[in-house]
């Protein structure tokens, strides 16, 4: 049976939560996340008019992956920007083209987007998947600041 990519549903959340634990514990990310964060992310995906959309990859017998896409706006390109936040495929299904298929299809899900972006660790093994799908490495340095680190 072919793998179906479909929107996340409430009944998928427990299984996606387990995949999130594996994904965030991998060297692909700098953060290990937390149950609280994962629950907020999943709840946000299920809200109507949310800034975060969730997708699952289902092969008829099990969920074999998931992705999350965040809505943003690019002043640089003058229109909607979509961030591929999470893209995870279970190890036993990697190398079958599921990630590539999602990256191709995500453009159809969001026809008004002017740019799609993602970030990854420099040594992420999946970089070949992204480049094969037309993504290019940017020369930007990304910075972050958590609110709790503000100086008083």
N, C-alpha and C. Protein backbone atom coordinates (compact mmCIF):
# COMPACT_ATOMS: atom_id res chain seq x y z
N UNK A 1 0.85 -1.18 0.00
CA UNK A 1 0.00 0.00 0.00
C UNK A 1 0.90 1.25 0.00
N UNK A 2 0.59 2.24 -0.83
CA UNK A 2 1.42 3.44 -0.88
C UNK A 2 1.28 4.28 0.40
N UNK A 3 2.31 5.02 0.69
CA UNK A 3 2.29 5.90 1.86
C UNK A 3 1.49 7.15 1.54
N UNK A 4 0.61 7.51 2.45
CA UNK A 4 -0.24 8.70 2.31
C UNK A 4 0.32 9.79 3.22
N UNK A 5 0.41 11.00 2.70
CA UNK A 5 0.78 12.16 3.51
C UNK A 5 -0.51 12.93 3.75
N UNK A 6 -0.87 13.08 5.02
CA UNK A 6 -2.14 13.72 5.35
C UNK A 6 -1.98 14.60 6.59
N UNK A 7 -2.95 15.50 6.81
CA UNK A 7 -2.89 16.34 8.01
C UNK A 7 -2.96 15.51 9.30
N UNK A 8 -2.26 15.98 10.30
CA UNK A 8 -2.28 15.37 11.62
C UNK A 8 -3.70 15.41 12.18
N UNK A 9 -4.10 14.31 12.83
CA UNK A 9 -5.39 14.24 13.51
C UNK A 9 -5.14 13.94 14.99
N UNK A 10 -6.11 14.25 15.81
CA UNK A 10 -5.97 14.07 17.25
C UNK A 10 -5.53 12.66 17.62
N UNK A 11 -6.09 11.66 16.95
CA UNK A 11 -5.76 10.28 17.29
C UNK A 11 -4.33 9.89 16.90
N UNK A 12 -3.63 10.73 16.16
CA UNK A 12 -2.23 10.48 15.78
C UNK A 12 -1.24 10.96 16.83
N UNK A 13 -1.69 11.79 17.75
CA UNK A 13 -0.77 12.54 18.61
C UNK A 13 0.15 11.67 19.47
N UNK A 14 -0.35 10.61 20.06
CA UNK A 14 0.51 9.77 20.91
C UNK A 14 1.65 9.17 20.10
N UNK A 15 1.34 8.68 18.91
CA UNK A 15 2.37 8.07 18.07
C UNK A 15 3.36 9.12 17.55
N UNK A 16 2.84 10.28 17.20
CA UNK A 16 3.74 11.36 16.74
C UNK A 16 4.62 11.84 17.90
N UNK A 17 4.07 11.89 19.10
CA UNK A 17 4.86 12.27 20.27
C UNK A 17 6.07 11.35 20.42
N UNK A 18 5.89 10.06 20.22
CA UNK A 18 7.02 9.12 20.31
C UNK A 18 8.05 9.39 19.22
N UNK A 19 7.59 9.70 18.02
CA UNK A 19 8.53 10.04 16.95
C UNK A 19 9.27 11.33 17.27
N UNK A 20 8.58 12.29 17.87
CA UNK A 20 9.21 13.55 18.25
C UNK A 20 10.33 13.30 19.26
N UNK A 21 10.10 12.39 20.20
CA UNK A 21 11.14 12.07 21.19
C UNK A 21 12.42 11.55 20.50
N UNK A 22 12.25 10.68 19.51
CA UNK A 22 13.41 10.17 18.77
C UNK A 22 14.08 11.27 17.96
N UNK A 23 13.25 12.05 17.27
CA UNK A 23 13.78 13.12 16.41
C UNK A 23 14.59 14.12 17.24
N UNK A 24 14.02 14.58 18.35
CA UNK A 24 14.69 15.61 19.14
C UNK A 24 15.87 15.07 19.94
N UNK A 25 15.99 13.77 20.08
CA UNK A 25 17.15 13.18 20.75
C UNK A 25 18.28 12.90 19.77
N UNK A 26 18.04 13.12 18.48
CA UNK A 26 19.04 12.81 17.45
C UNK A 26 20.03 13.97 17.31
N UNK A 27 21.15 13.72 16.65
CA UNK A 27 22.11 14.79 16.40
C UNK A 27 21.63 15.81 15.37
N UNK A 28 20.43 15.61 14.82
CA UNK A 28 19.90 16.55 13.83
C UNK A 28 19.46 17.86 14.49
N UNK A 29 19.33 17.88 15.81
CA UNK A 29 18.85 19.08 16.51
C UNK A 29 19.76 19.44 17.67
N UNK A 30 19.73 20.73 18.01
CA UNK A 30 20.52 21.20 19.14
C UNK A 30 19.78 21.06 20.45
N UNK A 31 18.46 20.94 20.38
CA UNK A 31 17.62 20.87 21.58
C UNK A 31 17.04 19.47 21.70
N UNK A 32 16.87 19.01 22.92
CA UNK A 32 16.21 17.72 23.15
C UNK A 32 14.70 17.87 23.30
N UNK A 33 14.22 19.10 23.32
CA UNK A 33 12.79 19.32 23.49
C UNK A 33 12.32 18.83 24.85
N UNK A 34 11.03 18.77 25.03
CA UNK A 34 10.45 18.26 26.28
C UNK A 34 9.02 17.83 26.00
N UNK A 35 8.48 17.02 26.88
CA UNK A 35 7.09 16.58 26.73
C UNK A 35 6.16 17.78 26.66
N UNK A 36 6.41 18.77 27.51
CA UNK A 36 5.56 19.97 27.53
C UNK A 36 5.59 20.69 26.18
N UNK A 37 6.78 20.85 25.61
CA UNK A 37 6.90 21.52 24.31
C UNK A 37 6.22 20.69 23.23
N UNK A 38 6.46 19.38 23.23
CA UNK A 38 5.85 18.51 22.22
C UNK A 38 4.33 18.59 22.30
N UNK A 39 3.78 18.59 23.51
CA UNK A 39 2.33 18.68 23.68
C UNK A 39 1.79 20.01 23.14
N UNK A 40 2.51 21.10 23.40
CA UNK A 40 2.09 22.41 22.88
C UNK A 40 2.14 22.42 21.35
N UNK A 41 3.20 21.85 20.79
CA UNK A 41 3.33 21.79 19.32
C UNK A 41 2.17 21.02 18.71
N UNK A 42 1.88 19.85 19.26
CA UNK A 42 0.79 19.03 18.73
C UNK A 42 -0.55 19.73 18.88
N UNK A 43 -0.79 20.35 20.03
CA UNK A 43 -2.04 21.08 20.24
C UNK A 43 -2.16 22.22 19.23
N UNK A 44 -1.07 22.90 18.97
CA UNK A 44 -1.10 23.99 18.00
C UNK A 44 -1.43 23.49 16.61
N UNK A 45 -0.87 22.35 16.23
CA UNK A 45 -1.16 21.77 14.91
C UNK A 45 -2.65 21.47 14.74
N UNK A 46 -3.33 21.17 15.82
CA UNK A 46 -4.74 20.79 15.76
C UNK A 46 -5.68 21.99 15.81
N UNK A 47 -5.16 23.16 16.17
CA UNK A 47 -6.00 24.36 16.24
C UNK A 47 -6.34 24.84 14.84
N UNK A 48 -7.55 25.38 14.72
CA UNK A 48 -7.93 25.99 13.45
C UNK A 48 -7.21 27.33 13.34
N UNK A 49 -6.73 27.67 12.16
CA UNK A 49 -6.01 28.91 11.90
C UNK A 49 -4.76 29.04 12.76
N UNK A 50 -4.04 27.97 12.91
CA UNK A 50 -2.81 27.94 13.68
C UNK A 50 -1.63 28.39 12.82
N UNK A 51 -0.57 28.79 13.47
CA UNK A 51 0.67 29.13 12.77
C UNK A 51 1.50 27.88 12.50
N UNK A 52 1.03 26.72 12.95
CA UNK A 52 1.77 25.47 12.79
C UNK A 52 0.84 24.38 12.26
N UNK A 53 1.26 23.73 11.20
CA UNK A 53 0.50 22.62 10.62
C UNK A 53 1.28 21.33 10.80
N UNK A 54 0.58 20.27 11.11
CA UNK A 54 1.21 18.96 11.26
C UNK A 54 0.74 18.01 10.17
N UNK A 55 1.65 17.15 9.75
CA UNK A 55 1.36 16.13 8.74
C UNK A 55 1.91 14.80 9.23
N UNK A 56 1.27 13.73 8.82
CA UNK A 56 1.79 12.39 9.11
C UNK A 56 1.93 11.62 7.81
N UNK A 57 2.85 10.66 7.84
CA UNK A 57 3.08 9.76 6.72
C UNK A 57 2.57 8.40 7.17
N UNK A 58 1.54 7.91 6.50
CA UNK A 58 0.86 6.69 6.92
C UNK A 58 0.90 5.67 5.78
N UNK A 59 1.28 4.44 6.12
CA UNK A 59 1.38 3.42 5.06
C UNK A 59 0.25 2.40 5.11
N UNK A 60 -0.80 2.68 5.85
CA UNK A 60 -1.93 1.76 5.94
C UNK A 60 -1.92 0.91 7.19
N UNK A 61 -0.73 0.64 7.73
CA UNK A 61 -0.64 -0.15 8.95
C UNK A 61 -0.06 0.65 10.11
N UNK A 62 0.73 1.68 9.79
CA UNK A 62 1.36 2.47 10.86
C UNK A 62 1.73 3.85 10.33
N UNK A 63 1.97 4.75 11.27
CA UNK A 63 2.54 6.05 10.92
C UNK A 63 4.05 5.85 10.82
N UNK A 64 4.62 6.28 9.71
CA UNK A 64 6.05 6.04 9.48
C UNK A 64 6.85 7.35 9.49
N UNK A 65 6.19 8.46 9.73
CA UNK A 65 6.89 9.73 9.80
C UNK A 65 5.93 10.87 10.06
N UNK A 66 6.50 12.04 10.26
CA UNK A 66 5.69 13.23 10.47
C UNK A 66 6.48 14.45 10.03
N UNK A 67 5.77 15.55 9.85
CA UNK A 67 6.39 16.83 9.52
C UNK A 67 5.55 17.93 10.14
N UNK A 68 6.21 19.05 10.44
CA UNK A 68 5.50 20.23 10.93
C UNK A 68 5.99 21.43 10.12
N UNK A 69 5.03 22.27 9.76
CA UNK A 69 5.31 23.42 8.92
C UNK A 69 4.77 24.67 9.62
N UNK A 70 5.64 25.67 9.81
CA UNK A 70 5.26 26.91 10.48
C UNK A 70 5.07 28.02 9.45
N UNK A 71 4.02 28.81 9.65
CA UNK A 71 3.71 29.93 8.78
C UNK A 71 4.46 31.18 9.24
N UNK A 72 5.02 31.89 8.30
CA UNK A 72 5.74 33.13 8.59
C UNK A 72 5.56 34.06 7.41
N UNK A 73 6.23 35.20 7.44
CA UNK A 73 6.20 36.16 6.34
C UNK A 73 7.63 36.57 6.07
N UNK A 74 8.00 36.62 4.82
CA UNK A 74 9.35 37.04 4.45
C UNK A 74 9.32 38.46 3.89
N UNK A 75 9.90 39.40 4.62
CA UNK A 75 10.01 40.75 4.08
C UNK A 75 11.05 40.78 2.96
N UNK A 76 11.99 39.89 3.01
CA UNK A 76 13.02 39.80 1.96
C UNK A 76 12.40 39.43 0.61
N UNK A 77 11.39 38.54 0.63
CA UNK A 77 10.77 38.09 -0.60
C UNK A 77 9.35 38.63 -0.79
N UNK A 78 8.83 39.35 0.20
CA UNK A 78 7.55 40.01 0.08
C UNK A 78 6.35 39.09 0.03
N UNK A 79 6.33 38.09 0.87
CA UNK A 79 5.18 37.20 0.88
C UNK A 79 5.29 36.11 1.92
N UNK A 80 4.31 35.19 1.91
CA UNK A 80 4.30 34.11 2.89
C UNK A 80 5.53 33.21 2.78
N UNK A 81 6.09 32.90 3.92
CA UNK A 81 7.24 32.02 4.04
C UNK A 81 6.80 30.83 4.87
N UNK A 82 7.15 29.63 4.43
CA UNK A 82 6.84 28.43 5.18
C UNK A 82 8.13 27.81 5.66
N UNK A 83 8.20 27.53 6.94
CA UNK A 83 9.36 26.88 7.55
C UNK A 83 9.05 25.41 7.77
N UNK A 84 9.86 24.54 7.20
CA UNK A 84 9.75 23.12 7.49
C UNK A 84 10.44 22.94 8.84
N UNK A 85 9.66 22.82 9.88
CA UNK A 85 10.21 22.77 11.24
C UNK A 85 10.73 21.37 11.59
N UNK A 86 9.91 20.38 11.38
CA UNK A 86 10.28 19.00 11.66
C UNK A 86 10.02 18.18 10.41
N UNK A 87 10.91 17.28 10.12
CA UNK A 87 10.70 16.30 9.05
C UNK A 87 11.39 15.03 9.51
N UNK A 88 10.58 14.06 9.92
CA UNK A 88 11.10 12.83 10.51
C UNK A 88 10.49 11.62 9.82
N UNK A 89 11.34 10.68 9.46
CA UNK A 89 10.91 9.39 8.92
C UNK A 89 11.55 8.31 9.79
N UNK A 90 10.76 7.33 10.19
CA UNK A 90 11.29 6.24 11.02
C UNK A 90 12.46 5.55 10.31
N UNK A 91 13.46 5.13 11.09
CA UNK A 91 14.67 4.54 10.49
C UNK A 91 14.42 3.42 9.48
N UNK A 92 13.46 2.55 9.76
CA UNK A 92 13.23 1.41 8.85
C UNK A 92 12.58 1.82 7.53
N UNK A 93 12.18 3.10 7.39
CA UNK A 93 11.57 3.58 6.14
C UNK A 93 12.41 4.67 5.46
N UNK A 94 13.57 4.98 6.03
CA UNK A 94 14.43 5.98 5.41
C UNK A 94 15.01 5.45 4.10
N UNK A 95 15.30 6.35 3.19
CA UNK A 95 15.88 5.97 1.91
C UNK A 95 14.84 5.57 0.88
N UNK A 96 13.56 5.67 1.22
CA UNK A 96 12.49 5.31 0.29
C UNK A 96 11.89 6.51 -0.43
N UNK A 97 12.40 7.70 -0.14
CA UNK A 97 11.91 8.90 -0.82
C UNK A 97 10.76 9.61 -0.13
N UNK A 98 10.42 9.22 1.11
CA UNK A 98 9.29 9.86 1.79
C UNK A 98 9.57 11.33 2.10
N UNK A 99 10.78 11.65 2.55
CA UNK A 99 11.13 13.05 2.83
C UNK A 99 11.08 13.88 1.57
N UNK A 100 11.64 13.36 0.48
CA UNK A 100 11.61 14.06 -0.80
C UNK A 100 10.18 14.27 -1.29
N UNK A 101 9.37 13.24 -1.13
CA UNK A 101 7.97 13.35 -1.55
C UNK A 101 7.26 14.43 -0.75
N UNK A 102 7.50 14.49 0.55
CA UNK A 102 6.87 15.54 1.35
C UNK A 102 7.33 16.92 0.88
N UNK A 103 8.63 17.10 0.65
CA UNK A 103 9.13 18.40 0.22
C UNK A 103 8.54 18.81 -1.12
N UNK A 104 8.32 17.88 -2.00
CA UNK A 104 7.67 18.20 -3.28
C UNK A 104 6.21 18.57 -3.07
N UNK A 105 5.54 17.81 -2.24
CA UNK A 105 4.10 18.03 -2.05
C UNK A 105 3.79 19.25 -1.21
N UNK A 106 4.69 19.64 -0.33
CA UNK A 106 4.42 20.78 0.54
C UNK A 106 4.20 22.05 -0.31
N UNK A 107 4.84 22.12 -1.46
CA UNK A 107 4.63 23.28 -2.34
C UNK A 107 3.19 23.31 -2.86
N UNK A 108 2.59 22.15 -3.06
CA UNK A 108 1.19 22.10 -3.49
C UNK A 108 0.24 22.43 -2.35
N UNK A 109 0.63 22.07 -1.13
CA UNK A 109 -0.20 22.38 0.04
C UNK A 109 -0.29 23.89 0.27
N UNK A 110 0.75 24.63 -0.11
CA UNK A 110 0.84 26.07 0.15
C UNK A 110 1.19 26.82 -1.13
N UNK A 111 0.26 26.92 -2.07
CA UNK A 111 0.57 27.53 -3.36
C UNK A 111 0.89 29.02 -3.30
N UNK A 112 0.50 29.72 -2.23
CA UNK A 112 0.76 31.15 -2.14
C UNK A 112 2.12 31.49 -1.52
N UNK A 113 2.83 30.49 -1.03
CA UNK A 113 4.13 30.75 -0.41
C UNK A 113 5.13 31.25 -1.45
N UNK A 114 5.93 32.24 -1.08
CA UNK A 114 6.95 32.75 -1.99
C UNK A 114 8.30 32.11 -1.72
N UNK A 115 8.44 31.49 -0.54
CA UNK A 115 9.70 30.81 -0.21
C UNK A 115 9.43 29.75 0.85
N UNK A 116 10.17 28.66 0.74
CA UNK A 116 10.15 27.60 1.74
C UNK A 116 11.54 27.54 2.35
N UNK A 117 11.61 27.42 3.67
CA UNK A 117 12.90 27.40 4.35
C UNK A 117 12.93 26.24 5.34
N UNK A 118 14.13 25.82 5.64
CA UNK A 118 14.34 24.85 6.70
C UNK A 118 15.73 25.09 7.27
N UNK A 119 15.95 24.57 8.45
CA UNK A 119 17.27 24.66 9.04
C UNK A 119 17.68 23.28 9.50
N UNK A 120 18.99 23.09 9.60
CA UNK A 120 19.50 21.78 10.01
C UNK A 120 20.90 21.96 10.56
N UNK A 121 21.36 20.95 11.23
CA UNK A 121 22.75 20.90 11.65
C UNK A 121 23.63 20.75 10.41
N UNK A 122 24.81 21.34 10.43
CA UNK A 122 25.68 21.33 9.26
C UNK A 122 26.04 19.92 8.80
N UNK A 123 26.12 18.97 9.72
CA UNK A 123 26.50 17.61 9.34
C UNK A 123 25.31 16.66 9.21
N UNK A 124 24.11 17.21 9.03
CA UNK A 124 22.91 16.38 8.87
C UNK A 124 23.03 15.53 7.61
N UNK A 125 22.85 14.23 7.77
CA UNK A 125 22.98 13.30 6.64
C UNK A 125 21.92 13.52 5.57
N UNK A 126 20.83 14.19 5.90
CA UNK A 126 19.74 14.38 4.94
C UNK A 126 19.96 15.58 4.03
N UNK A 127 21.08 16.25 4.13
CA UNK A 127 21.31 17.45 3.30
C UNK A 127 21.17 17.11 1.82
N UNK A 128 21.57 15.92 1.41
CA UNK A 128 21.44 15.53 -0.01
C UNK A 128 19.98 15.47 -0.44
N UNK A 129 19.09 15.10 0.47
CA UNK A 129 17.65 15.07 0.16
C UNK A 129 17.18 16.49 -0.12
N UNK A 130 17.56 17.43 0.74
CA UNK A 130 17.11 18.81 0.60
C UNK A 130 17.67 19.44 -0.68
N UNK A 131 18.94 19.24 -0.94
CA UNK A 131 19.52 19.84 -2.14
C UNK A 131 18.92 19.22 -3.41
N UNK A 132 18.68 17.94 -3.39
CA UNK A 132 18.06 17.28 -4.55
C UNK A 132 16.66 17.84 -4.80
N UNK A 133 16.00 18.33 -3.75
CA UNK A 133 14.66 18.92 -3.89
C UNK A 133 14.71 20.42 -4.18
N UNK A 134 15.90 20.96 -4.41
CA UNK A 134 16.02 22.36 -4.81
C UNK A 134 16.37 23.34 -3.70
N UNK A 135 16.56 22.87 -2.48
CA UNK A 135 16.95 23.76 -1.39
C UNK A 135 18.44 24.08 -1.50
N UNK A 136 18.79 25.31 -1.16
CA UNK A 136 20.17 25.75 -1.24
C UNK A 136 20.64 26.23 0.13
N UNK A 137 21.89 25.98 0.44
CA UNK A 137 22.47 26.42 1.70
C UNK A 137 22.62 27.94 1.64
N UNK A 138 22.17 28.62 2.67
CA UNK A 138 22.27 30.07 2.74
C UNK A 138 23.50 30.48 3.54
N UNK A 139 24.06 31.63 3.22
CA UNK A 139 25.24 32.09 3.96
C UNK A 139 24.89 32.87 5.23
N UNK A 140 23.66 32.76 5.69
CA UNK A 140 23.23 33.49 6.88
C UNK A 140 23.74 32.83 8.16
N UNK A 141 23.90 33.65 9.16
CA UNK A 141 24.13 33.15 10.51
C UNK A 141 22.82 33.38 11.24
N UNK A 142 22.31 32.36 11.84
CA UNK A 142 21.07 32.48 12.58
C UNK A 142 21.41 32.65 14.06
N UNK A 143 20.69 33.51 14.73
CA UNK A 143 20.90 33.76 16.15
C UNK A 143 19.61 33.50 16.89
N UNK A 144 19.71 33.30 18.19
CA UNK A 144 18.52 33.10 19.00
C UNK A 144 18.71 33.71 20.37
N UNK A 145 17.61 34.02 21.02
CA UNK A 145 17.62 34.47 22.40
C UNK A 145 16.33 34.01 23.04
N UNK A 146 16.44 33.34 24.14
CA UNK A 146 15.27 32.90 24.87
C UNK A 146 14.87 34.02 25.83
N UNK A 147 13.58 34.27 26.01
CA UNK A 147 13.14 35.35 26.90
C UNK A 147 13.72 35.28 28.31
N UNK A 148 13.92 34.05 28.81
CA UNK A 148 14.44 33.92 30.18
C UNK A 148 15.89 34.37 30.31
N UNK A 149 16.56 34.64 29.19
CA UNK A 149 17.96 35.10 29.26
C UNK A 149 18.07 36.62 29.19
N UNK A 150 16.93 37.32 29.21
CA UNK A 150 16.96 38.80 29.16
C UNK A 150 17.67 39.32 30.40
N UNK A 151 18.40 40.39 30.21
CA UNK A 151 19.04 41.06 31.36
C UNK A 151 18.01 41.97 32.02
N UNK A 152 18.05 42.05 33.33
CA UNK A 152 17.10 42.90 34.08
C UNK A 152 17.50 44.34 34.01
